[in-house]
Amino acid sequence: MKQNLSDPVIDEIREIRHRISARFDHDPVQLVTFYMEMQKQYQDRLIDPAKSAGCKDQPATL
């Protein structure tokens, strides 16, 4: 039996993503173009994979 767990934060994110997609008539090409432009605009807020390549997530220890 699969439980339907609802998370209000995830639900809100999904709704926002759906509204953004609707702005572009759910056209994947236009949507990807939009997200790539946003990525350029906010590049200073993103993590640089080359800089973080040496940093591996360590499992929590008790």
PDB file of N, CA and C in Angstrom:
ATOM      1  N   MET A   1       0.851  -1.179   0.000  1.00  0.00           N
ATOM      2  CA  MET A   1       0.000   0.000   0.000  1.00  0.00           C
ATOM      3  C   MET A   1       0.895   1.240   0.000  1.00  0.00           C
ATOM      4  N   LYS A   2       0.636   2.136  -0.924  1.00  0.00           N
ATOM      5  CA  LYS A   2       1.442   3.353  -1.036  1.00  0.00           C
ATOM      6  C   LYS A   2       0.737   4.500  -0.313  1.00  0.00           C
ATOM      7  N   GLN A   3       1.484   5.141   0.590  1.00  0.00           N
ATOM      8  CA  GLN A   3       0.932   6.272   1.322  1.00  0.00           C
ATOM      9  C   GLN A   3       1.099   7.543   0.506  1.00  0.00           C
ATOM     10  N   ASN A   4       0.097   8.391   0.516  1.00  0.00           N
ATOM     11  CA  ASN A   4       0.183   9.669  -0.157  1.00  0.00           C
ATOM     12  C   ASN A   4       0.585  10.712   0.876  1.00  0.00           C
ATOM     13  N   LEU A   5       1.877  11.005   0.927  1.00  0.00           N
ATOM     14  CA  LEU A   5       2.372  11.993   1.867  1.00  0.00           C
ATOM     15  C   LEU A   5       2.385  13.353   1.182  1.00  0.00           C
ATOM     16  N   SER A   6       1.770  14.317   1.799  1.00  0.00           N
ATOM     17  CA  SER A   6       1.708  15.650   1.239  1.00  0.00           C
ATOM     18  C   SER A   6       2.647  16.553   2.024  1.00  0.00           C
ATOM     19  N   ASP A   7       3.466  17.274   1.284  1.00  0.00           N
ATOM     20  CA  ASP A   7       4.385  18.224   1.897  1.00  0.00           C
ATOM     21  C   ASP A   7       4.035  19.592   1.336  1.00  0.00           C
ATOM     22  N   PRO A   8       3.609  20.526   2.168  1.00  0.00           N
ATOM     23  CA  PRO A   8       3.179  21.837   1.678  1.00  0.00           C
ATOM     24  C   PRO A   8       4.263  22.585   0.909  1.00  0.00           C
ATOM     25  N   VAL A   9       5.501  22.446   1.309  1.00  0.00           N
ATOM     26  CA  VAL A   9       6.593  23.145   0.617  1.00  0.00           C
ATOM     27  C   VAL A   9       6.779  22.556  -0.782  1.00  0.00           C
ATOM     28  N   ILE A  10       6.796  21.232  -0.879  1.00  0.00           N
ATOM     29  CA  ILE A  10       6.937  20.577  -2.180  1.00  0.00           C
ATOM     30  C   ILE A  10       5.735  20.899  -3.061  1.00  0.00           C
ATOM     31  N   ASP A  11       4.547  20.902  -2.493  1.00  0.00           N
ATOM     32  CA  ASP A  11       3.343  21.239  -3.254  1.00  0.00           C
ATOM     33  C   ASP A  11       3.435  22.665  -3.812  1.00  0.00           C
ATOM     34  N   GLU A  12       3.946  23.593  -3.020  1.00  0.00           N
ATOM     35  CA  GLU A  12       4.095  24.977  -3.469  1.00  0.00           C
ATOM     36  C   GLU A  12       5.118  25.083  -4.598  1.00  0.00           C
ATOM     37  N   ILE A  13       6.226  24.380  -4.460  1.00  0.00           N
ATOM     38  CA  ILE A  13       7.248  24.380  -5.512  1.00  0.00           C
ATOM     39  C   ILE A  13       6.664  23.819  -6.806  1.00  0.00           C
ATOM     40  N   ARG A  14       5.933  22.739  -6.716  1.00  0.00           N
ATOM     41  CA  ARG A  14       5.324  22.145  -7.916  1.00  0.00           C
ATOM     42  C   ARG A  14       4.340  23.110  -8.572  1.00  0.00           C
ATOM     43  N   GLU A  15       3.552  23.807  -7.770  1.00  0.00           N
ATOM     44  CA  GLU A  15       2.594  24.773  -8.302  1.00  0.00           C
ATOM     45  C   GLU A  15       3.316  25.917  -9.017  1.00  0.00           C
ATOM     46  N   ILE A  16       4.376  26.428  -8.427  1.00  0.00           N
ATOM     47  CA  ILE A  16       5.143  27.508  -9.047  1.00  0.00           C
ATOM     48  C   ILE A  16       5.768  27.034 -10.350  1.00  0.00           C
ATOM     49  N   ARG A  17       6.349  25.848 -10.337  1.00  0.00           N
ATOM     50  CA  ARG A  17       6.947  25.301 -11.562  1.00  0.00           C
ATOM     51  C   ARG A  17       5.890  25.115 -12.646  1.00  0.00           C
ATOM     52  N   HIS A  18       4.698  24.701 -12.260  1.00  0.00           N
ATOM     53  CA  HIS A  18       3.621  24.538 -13.229  1.00  0.00           C
ATOM     54  C   HIS A  18       3.213  25.891 -13.823  1.00  0.00           C
ATOM     55  N   ARG A  19       3.130  26.920 -12.984  1.00  0.00           N
ATOM     56  CA  ARG A  19       2.765  28.252 -13.484  1.00  0.00           C
ATOM     57  C   ARG A  19       3.839  28.797 -14.425  1.00  0.00           C
ATOM     58  N   ILE A  20       5.105  28.569 -14.102  1.00  0.00           N
ATOM     59  CA  ILE A  20       6.188  29.009 -14.991  1.00  0.00           C
ATOM     60  C   ILE A  20       6.064  28.274 -16.324  1.00  0.00           C
ATOM     61  N   SER A  21       5.841  26.983 -16.290  1.00  0.00           N
ATOM     62  CA  SER A  21       5.692  26.203 -17.512  1.00  0.00           C
ATOM     63  C   SER A  21       4.504  26.700 -18.331  1.00  0.00           C
ATOM     64  N   ALA A  22       3.423  27.028 -17.681  1.00  0.00           N
ATOM     65  CA  ALA A  22       2.223  27.509 -18.372  1.00  0.00           C
ATOM     66  C   ALA A  22       2.494  28.832 -19.101  1.00  0.00           C
ATOM     67  N   ARG A  23       3.382  29.660 -18.553  1.00  0.00           N
ATOM     68  CA  ARG A  23       3.731  30.928 -19.215  1.00  0.00           C
ATOM     69  C   ARG A  23       4.298  30.685 -20.602  1.00  0.00           C
ATOM     70  N   PHE A  24       4.873  29.520 -20.831  1.00  0.00           N
ATOM     71  CA  PHE A  24       5.487  29.175 -22.103  1.00  0.00           C
ATOM     72  C   PHE A  24       4.693  28.081 -22.825  1.00  0.00           C
ATOM     73  N   ASP A  25       3.401  27.987 -22.500  1.00  0.00           N
ATOM     74  CA  ASP A  25       2.509  26.982 -23.089  1.00  0.00           C
ATOM     75  C   ASP A  25       3.084  25.573 -22.975  1.00  0.00           C
ATOM     76  N   HIS A  26       3.794  25.317 -21.913  1.00  0.00           N
ATOM     77  CA  HIS A  26       4.387  24.011 -21.611  1.00  0.00           C
ATOM     78  C   HIS A  26       5.304  23.526 -22.732  1.00  0.00           C
ATOM     79  N   ASP A  27       5.915  24.483 -23.441  1.00  0.00           N
ATOM     80  CA  ASP A  27       6.854  24.168 -24.528  1.00  0.00           C
ATOM     81  C   ASP A  27       8.231  23.950 -23.910  1.00  0.00           C
ATOM     82  N   PRO A  28       8.777  22.728 -23.986  1.00  0.00           N
ATOM     83  CA  PRO A  28      10.049  22.446 -23.333  1.00  0.00           C
ATOM     84  C   PRO A  28      11.210  23.288 -23.853  1.00  0.00           C
ATOM     85  N   VAL A  29      11.219  23.604 -25.142  1.00  0.00           N
ATOM     86  CA  VAL A  29      12.313  24.410 -25.698  1.00  0.00           C
ATOM     87  C   VAL A  29      12.292  25.809 -25.088  1.00  0.00           C
ATOM     88  N   GLN A  30      11.119  26.430 -25.056  1.00  0.00           N
ATOM     89  CA  GLN A  30      11.010  27.764 -24.475  1.00  0.00           C
ATOM     90  C   GLN A  30      11.301  27.732 -22.975  1.00  0.00           C
ATOM     91  N   LEU A  31      10.867  26.686 -22.319  1.00  0.00           N
ATOM     92  CA  LEU A  31      11.073  26.564 -20.876  1.00  0.00           C
ATOM     93  C   LEU A  31      12.557  26.423 -20.540  1.00  0.00           C
ATOM     94  N   VAL A  32      13.262  25.585 -21.287  1.00  0.00           N
ATOM     95  CA  VAL A  32      14.693  25.408 -21.049  1.00  0.00           C
ATOM     96  C   VAL A  32      15.435  26.713 -21.346  1.00  0.00           C
ATOM     97  N   THR A  33      15.040  27.406 -22.407  1.00  0.00           N
ATOM     98  CA  THR A  33      15.657  28.693 -22.726  1.00  0.00           C
ATOM     99  C   THR A  33      15.468  29.672 -21.571  1.00  0.00           C
ATOM    100  N   PHE A  34      14.269  29.721 -21.022  1.00  0.00           N
ATOM    101  CA  PHE A  34      13.987  30.593 -19.880  1.00  0.00           C
ATOM    102  C   PHE A  34      14.874  30.248 -18.692  1.00  0.00           C
ATOM    103  N   TYR A  35      14.950  28.958 -18.357  1.00  0.00           N
ATOM    104  CA  TYR A  35      15.765  28.553 -17.208  1.00  0.00           C
ATOM    105  C   TYR A  35      17.252  28.824 -17.444  1.00  0.00           C
ATOM    106  N   MET A  36      17.716  28.686 -18.676  1.00  0.00           N
ATOM    107  CA  MET A  36      19.122  28.975 -18.966  1.00  0.00           C
ATOM    108  C   MET A  36      19.401  30.469 -18.818  1.00  0.00           C
ATOM    109  N   GLU A  37      18.451  31.308 -19.225  1.00  0.00           N
ATOM    110  CA  GLU A  37      18.609  32.753 -19.037  1.00  0.00           C
ATOM    111  C   GLU A  37      18.628  33.105 -17.553  1.00  0.00           C
ATOM    112  N   MET A  38      17.765  32.445 -16.785  1.00  0.00           N
ATOM    113  CA  MET A  38      17.746  32.684 -15.337  1.00  0.00           C
ATOM    114  C   MET A  38      19.069  32.242 -14.709  1.00  0.00           C
ATOM    115  N   GLN A  39      19.608  31.142 -15.198  1.00  0.00           N
ATOM    116  CA  GLN A  39      20.887  30.645 -14.685  1.00  0.00           C
ATOM    117  C   GLN A  39      21.989  31.656 -14.940  1.00  0.00           C
ATOM    118  N   LYS A  40      21.999  32.265 -16.120  1.00  0.00           N
ATOM    119  CA  LYS A  40      22.998  33.294 -16.419  1.00  0.00           C
ATOM    120  C   LYS A  40      22.802  34.512 -15.530  1.00  0.00           C
ATOM    121  N   GLN A  41      21.543  34.907 -15.354  1.00  0.00           N
ATOM    122  CA  GLN A  41      21.240  36.096 -14.565  1.00  0.00           C
ATOM    123  C   GLN A  41      21.672  35.932 -13.104  1.00  0.00           C
ATOM    124  N   TYR A  42      21.512  34.757 -12.567  1.00  0.00           N
ATOM    125  CA  TYR A  42      21.813  34.518 -11.160  1.00  0.00           C
ATOM    126  C   TYR A  42      23.038  33.619 -10.978  1.00  0.00           C
ATOM    127  N   GLN A  43      23.962  33.680 -11.907  1.00  0.00           N
ATOM    128  CA  GLN A  43      25.152  32.833 -11.884  1.00  0.00           C
ATOM    129  C   GLN A  43      25.934  32.977 -10.584  1.00  0.00           C
ATOM    130  N   ASP A  44      25.959  34.181 -10.019  1.00  0.00           N
ATOM    131  CA  ASP A  44      26.712  34.416  -8.784  1.00  0.00           C
ATOM    132  C   ASP A  44      26.113  33.680  -7.584  1.00  0.00           C
ATOM    133  N   ARG A  45      24.904  33.187  -7.708  1.00  0.00           N
ATOM    134  CA  ARG A  45      24.249  32.472  -6.611  1.00  0.00           C
ATOM    135  C   ARG A  45      24.407  30.958  -6.714  1.00  0.00           C
ATOM    136  N   LEU A  46      24.987  30.489  -7.815  1.00  0.00           N
ATOM    137  CA  LEU A  46      25.091  29.051  -8.048  1.00  0.00           C
ATOM    138  C   LEU A  46      26.419  28.502  -7.554  1.00  0.00           C
ATOM    139  N   ILE A  47      26.429  27.230  -7.248  1.00  0.00           N
ATOM    140  CA  ILE A  47      27.644  26.556  -6.806  1.00  0.00           C
ATOM    141  C   ILE A  47      28.443  26.164  -8.035  1.00  0.00           C
ATOM    142  N   ASP A  48      29.728  26.464  -8.030  1.00  0.00           N
ATOM    143  CA  ASP A  48      30.615  26.116  -9.129  1.00  0.00           C
ATOM    144  C   ASP A  48      31.060  24.673  -8.939  1.00  0.00           C
ATOM    145  N   PRO A  49      30.652  23.756  -9.835  1.00  0.00           N
ATOM    146  CA  PRO A  49      31.012  22.345  -9.659  1.00  0.00           C
ATOM    147  C   PRO A  49      32.523  22.113  -9.653  1.00  0.00           C
ATOM    148  N   ALA A  50      33.277  22.924 -10.404  1.00  0.00           N
ATOM    149  CA  ALA A  50      34.727  22.747 -10.448  1.00  0.00           C
ATOM    150  C   ALA A  50      35.340  23.049  -9.084  1.00  0.00           C
ATOM    151  N   LYS A  51      34.811  24.047  -8.397  1.00  0.00           N
ATOM    152  CA  LYS A  51      35.349  24.410  -7.084  1.00  0.00           C
ATOM    153  C   LYS A  51      34.937  23.421  -6.006  1.00  0.00           C
ATOM    154  N   SER A  52      33.771  22.822  -6.172  1.00  0.00           N
ATOM    155  CA  SER A  52      33.288  21.913  -5.132  1.00  0.00           C
ATOM    156  C   SER A  52      33.597  20.448  -5.440  1.00  0.00           C
ATOM    157  N   ALA A  53      34.323  20.183  -6.529  1.00  0.00           N
ATOM    158  CA  ALA A  53      34.632  18.800  -6.924  1.00  0.00           C
ATOM    159  C   ALA A  53      35.453  18.086  -5.856  1.00  0.00           C
ATOM    160  N   GLY A  54      36.324  18.805  -5.172  1.00  0.00           N
ATOM    161  CA  GLY A  54      37.146  18.198  -4.143  1.00  0.00           C
ATOM    162  C   GLY A  54      36.410  17.960  -2.848  1.00  0.00           C
ATOM    163  N   CYS A  55      35.249  18.588  -2.704  1.00  0.00           N
ATOM    164  CA  CYS A  55      34.459  18.451  -1.478  1.00  0.00           C
ATOM    165  C   CYS A  55      33.433  17.349  -1.662  1.00  0.00           C
ATOM    166  N   LYS A  56      33.580  16.289  -0.934  1.00  0.00           N
ATOM    167  CA  LYS A  56      32.621  15.193  -0.979  1.00  0.00           C
ATOM    168  C   LYS A  56      31.759  15.275   0.274  1.00  0.00           C
ATOM    169  N   ASP A  57      30.473  15.035   0.097  1.00  0.00           N
ATOM    170  CA  ASP A  57      29.585  14.993   1.250  1.00  0.00           C
ATOM    171  C   ASP A  57      29.979  13.819   2.133  1.00  0.00           C
ATOM    172  N   GLN A  58      30.141  14.084   3.368  1.00  0.00           N
ATOM    173  CA  GLN A  58      30.483  13.045   4.324  1.00  0.00           C
ATOM    174  C   GLN A  58      29.229  12.600   5.043  1.00  0.00           C
ATOM    175  N   PRO A  59      29.047  11.310   5.245  1.00  0.00           N
ATOM    176  CA  PRO A  59      27.875  10.857   5.993  1.00  0.00           C
ATOM    177  C   PRO A  59      27.981  11.308   7.445  1.00  0.00           C
ATOM    178  N   ALA A  60      26.853  11.566   8.000  1.00  0.00           N
ATOM    179  CA  ALA A  60      26.802  11.979   9.401  1.00  0.00           C
ATOM    180  C   ALA A  60      27.247  10.821  10.290  1.00  0.00           C
ATOM    181  N   THR A  61      27.998  11.154  11.304  1.00  0.00           N
ATOM    182  CA  THR A  61      28.431  10.128  12.260  1.00  0.00           C
ATOM    183  C   THR A  61      27.835  10.432  13.616  1.00  0.00           C
ATOM    184  N   LEU A  62      27.571   9.396  14.341  1.00  0.00           N
ATOM    185  CA  LEU A  62      26.981   9.560  15.668  1.00  0.00           C
ATOM    186  C   LEU A  62      28.035   9.497  16.737  1.00  0.00           C
TER     187      LEU A  62
END
